[in-house]
């Protein structure tokens, strides 16, 4: 799924001297000029960053994810978040169901390689589940604060206790990422609207 890119309309192309389009962005350079991408030759909307791997500017870019081989941005943030939720739930399910088989293998005559594989599977699912839970907790916290990973990294280096200027409150921040209908939040349908 595309993370979203800068529109190809005239007001976003560099060199246009339309002052009305400057009102659309909050973020400007230190000099007061509109931010622009030197690779795409377009003006950047708020929260837009250029990804050197994807070679495009991504709207509300969170990060480039090597696991999905794509950027996480405005158009696919919900789907990325759901992949992480599903991964945590899958690891927990595997851990719980295989744990019973490991306990049974202690009392049953089972080949050593099978016992080893069961213990290995349980250990791996526990470790991966723990790491993914930390990752999910971080991205849930970012979502509730209306921040992207890039904004978090920029803000912690500049001002550690600053807040996002895009924060709309807990409920609205969640709706921005997961969509307007809570019943469809954990289903890969009903993406967020712009």
Protein backbone atom coordinates (compact mmCIF):
# COMPACT_ATOMS: atom_id res chain seq x y z
CA UNK A 1 0.00 0.00 0.00
CA UNK A 2 1.34 3.40 -0.92
CA UNK A 3 2.36 5.55 2.05
CA UNK A 4 1.21 8.68 0.23
CA UNK A 5 3.20 11.16 -1.81
CA UNK A 6 3.19 14.86 -2.63
CA UNK A 7 0.41 15.77 -5.10
CA UNK A 8 1.60 16.45 -8.63
CA UNK A 9 -0.45 19.62 -8.92
CA UNK A 10 1.07 22.98 -9.80
CA UNK A 11 0.95 24.49 -6.31
CA UNK A 12 3.42 21.87 -5.02
CA UNK A 13 5.96 22.20 -7.86
CA UNK A 14 8.97 24.36 -7.09
CA UNK A 15 9.18 27.75 -8.73
CA UNK A 16 5.51 28.62 -8.36
CA UNK A 17 5.04 32.03 -6.76
CA UNK A 18 1.51 31.52 -5.49
CA UNK A 19 1.32 33.12 -2.03
CA UNK A 20 -2.05 31.53 -1.24
CA UNK A 21 -0.55 28.02 -1.33
CA UNK A 22 2.00 29.06 1.32
CA UNK A 23 -0.85 29.22 3.85
CA UNK A 24 -1.35 25.47 3.61
CA UNK A 25 1.78 24.58 5.56
CA UNK A 26 2.75 25.19 9.16
CA UNK A 27 6.30 23.98 8.80
CA UNK A 28 8.75 26.36 7.16
CA UNK A 29 12.51 26.68 7.01
CA UNK A 30 14.38 28.83 9.53
CA UNK A 31 14.49 31.55 6.88
CA UNK A 32 10.68 31.52 6.64
CA UNK A 33 10.62 29.94 3.18
CA UNK A 34 8.52 26.92 2.29
CA UNK A 35 10.24 23.59 2.77
CA UNK A 36 11.13 21.87 -0.47
CA UNK A 37 12.70 18.60 -1.60
CA UNK A 38 15.90 18.99 -3.55
CA UNK A 39 15.49 15.52 -5.10
CA UNK A 40 11.79 15.61 -6.06
CA UNK A 41 11.83 19.36 -6.85
CA UNK A 42 8.53 19.90 -5.05
CA UNK A 43 7.43 21.87 -2.04
CA UNK A 44 6.88 19.71 1.01
CA UNK A 45 3.57 19.59 2.90
CA UNK A 46 3.71 19.42 6.69
CA UNK A 47 5.23 16.20 8.09
CA UNK A 48 6.56 15.17 4.68
CA UNK A 49 10.06 13.71 4.35
CA UNK A 50 12.07 12.31 1.47
CA UNK A 51 12.96 8.62 1.67
CA UNK A 52 16.26 7.87 0.00
CA UNK A 53 15.45 4.16 -0.22
CA UNK A 54 12.06 4.64 -1.93
CA UNK A 55 13.31 7.76 -3.76
CA UNK A 56 10.12 9.71 -3.09
CA UNK A 57 8.68 12.17 -0.61
CA UNK A 58 6.28 10.48 1.81
CA UNK A 59 3.33 12.23 3.47
CA UNK A 60 3.41 12.02 7.29
CA UNK A 61 6.44 9.77 7.05
CA UNK A 62 6.96 7.63 10.14
CA UNK A 63 9.96 5.59 8.98
CA UNK A 64 11.23 3.32 6.23
CA UNK A 65 10.51 -0.24 7.31
CA UNK A 66 12.86 -2.91 5.93
CA UNK A 67 10.45 -5.66 7.02
CA UNK A 68 7.70 -4.50 4.67
CA UNK A 69 10.18 -2.98 2.19
CA UNK A 70 8.21 0.26 2.12
CA UNK A 71 7.86 3.53 3.97
CA UNK A 72 5.26 3.88 6.67
CA UNK A 73 3.30 7.07 6.14
CA UNK A 74 -0.14 8.59 5.92
CA UNK A 75 -1.57 6.04 3.47
CA UNK A 76 -0.45 2.85 5.21
CA UNK A 77 0.12 3.71 8.87
CA UNK A 78 -2.99 1.79 9.97
CA UNK A 79 -1.89 -1.31 8.07
CA UNK A 80 1.60 -1.16 9.57
CA UNK A 81 0.15 -0.77 13.07
CA UNK A 82 -2.16 -3.74 12.48
CA UNK A 83 0.75 -5.90 11.26
CA UNK A 84 2.52 -5.21 14.55
CA UNK A 85 -0.68 -5.96 16.55
CA UNK A 86 -1.22 -9.20 14.63
CA UNK A 87 2.44 -10.18 15.14
CA UNK A 88 2.15 -9.73 18.92
CA UNK A 89 -1.09 -11.73 19.02
CA UNK A 90 0.40 -14.48 16.84
CA UNK A 91 3.48 -14.81 19.03
CA UNK A 92 1.29 -15.00 22.15
CA UNK A 93 -0.94 -17.63 20.53
CA UNK A 94 2.04 -19.73 19.41
CA UNK A 95 3.68 -19.47 22.84
CA UNK A 96 0.54 -20.55 24.71
CA UNK A 97 -0.36 -23.41 22.38
CA UNK A 98 3.17 -24.83 22.00
CA UNK A 99 3.84 -24.54 25.74
CA UNK A 100 1.27 -27.28 26.35
CA UNK A 101 3.06 -29.53 23.84
CA UNK A 102 6.40 -28.85 25.57
CA UNK A 103 4.91 -29.86 28.92
CA UNK A 104 3.47 -33.04 27.38
CA UNK A 105 6.82 -33.89 25.76
CA UNK A 106 8.44 -34.06 29.20
CA UNK A 107 6.21 -36.97 30.25
CA UNK A 108 5.90 -38.70 26.87
CA UNK A 109 8.47 -40.65 24.90
CA UNK A 110 9.31 -38.07 22.23
CA UNK A 111 12.42 -38.00 20.00
CA UNK A 112 14.97 -35.49 21.28
CA UNK A 113 14.91 -33.45 18.09
CA UNK A 114 11.13 -32.96 18.42
CA UNK A 115 11.50 -31.89 22.04
CA UNK A 116 14.31 -29.52 21.04
CA UNK A 117 12.17 -28.00 18.26
CA UNK A 118 9.23 -27.52 20.61
CA UNK A 119 11.41 -25.76 23.20
CA UNK A 120 13.08 -23.72 20.43
CA UNK A 121 9.67 -22.66 19.07
CA UNK A 122 8.46 -21.67 22.54
CA UNK A 123 11.64 -19.71 23.26
CA UNK A 124 11.59 -17.98 19.89
CA UNK A 125 7.92 -17.02 20.18
CA UNK A 126 8.53 -15.65 23.68
CA UNK A 127 11.53 -13.57 22.61
CA UNK A 128 9.90 -12.27 19.42
CA UNK A 129 6.62 -11.63 21.25
CA UNK A 130 8.43 -9.65 23.94
CA UNK A 131 10.32 -7.53 21.41
CA UNK A 132 7.20 -6.93 19.33
CA UNK A 133 5.25 -5.97 22.48
CA UNK A 134 7.82 -3.28 23.25
CA UNK A 135 7.67 -2.12 19.61
CA UNK A 136 3.84 -2.07 19.72
CA UNK A 137 3.87 -0.15 23.00
CA UNK A 138 6.18 2.48 21.49
CA UNK A 139 4.04 2.91 18.36
CA UNK A 140 0.84 3.01 20.43
CA UNK A 141 2.37 5.75 22.56
CA UNK A 142 3.42 7.65 19.42
CA UNK A 143 -0.11 7.30 18.01
CA UNK A 144 -1.71 8.67 21.19
CA UNK A 145 0.69 11.63 21.13
CA UNK A 146 0.15 12.33 17.38
CA UNK A 147 3.83 11.89 16.61
CA UNK A 148 5.77 9.96 14.02
CA UNK A 149 9.03 8.16 14.72
CA UNK A 150 10.92 10.88 12.83
CA UNK A 151 9.24 13.64 14.86
CA UNK A 152 10.00 11.74 18.08
CA UNK A 153 13.69 11.50 17.16
CA UNK A 154 13.81 15.18 16.16
CA UNK A 155 11.99 16.36 19.28
CA UNK A 156 13.98 14.29 21.77
CA UNK A 157 17.23 15.67 20.39
CA UNK A 158 15.96 19.29 20.28
CA UNK A 159 13.59 19.57 23.26
CA UNK A 160 12.98 16.39 25.25
CA UNK A 161 9.65 17.41 26.79
CA UNK A 162 7.97 19.11 23.85
CA UNK A 163 4.59 18.05 22.51
CA UNK A 164 3.38 17.54 18.97
CA UNK A 165 1.69 20.53 17.39
CA UNK A 166 -0.63 18.05 15.63
CA UNK A 167 -2.02 16.63 18.90
CA UNK A 168 -5.86 16.64 18.82
CA UNK A 169 -6.42 14.71 22.03
CA UNK A 170 -6.32 10.96 22.66
CA UNK A 171 -9.54 9.95 20.86
CA UNK A 172 -8.94 12.04 17.75
CA UNK A 173 -5.28 11.00 17.55
CA UNK A 174 -6.30 7.34 17.47
CA UNK A 175 -8.97 8.06 14.85
CA UNK A 176 -6.39 9.82 12.66
CA UNK A 177 -4.38 6.58 12.41
CA UNK A 178 -6.98 3.81 12.73
CA UNK A 179 -9.93 5.45 11.00
CA UNK A 180 -13.22 7.07 12.03
CA UNK A 181 -15.13 3.89 12.98
CA UNK A 182 -13.93 2.12 16.17
CA UNK A 183 -15.62 -1.16 15.18
CA UNK A 184 -13.25 -1.39 12.20
CA UNK A 185 -10.05 -0.33 13.98
CA UNK A 186 -8.54 -3.82 14.16
CA UNK A 187 -9.63 -4.88 10.67
CA UNK A 188 -7.57 -3.84 7.62
CA UNK A 189 -10.50 -1.82 6.26
CA UNK A 190 -11.67 1.77 6.59
CA UNK A 191 -8.33 3.61 6.46
CA UNK A 192 -7.89 7.04 7.95
CA UNK A 193 -9.06 10.01 5.91
CA UNK A 194 -6.99 13.12 5.13
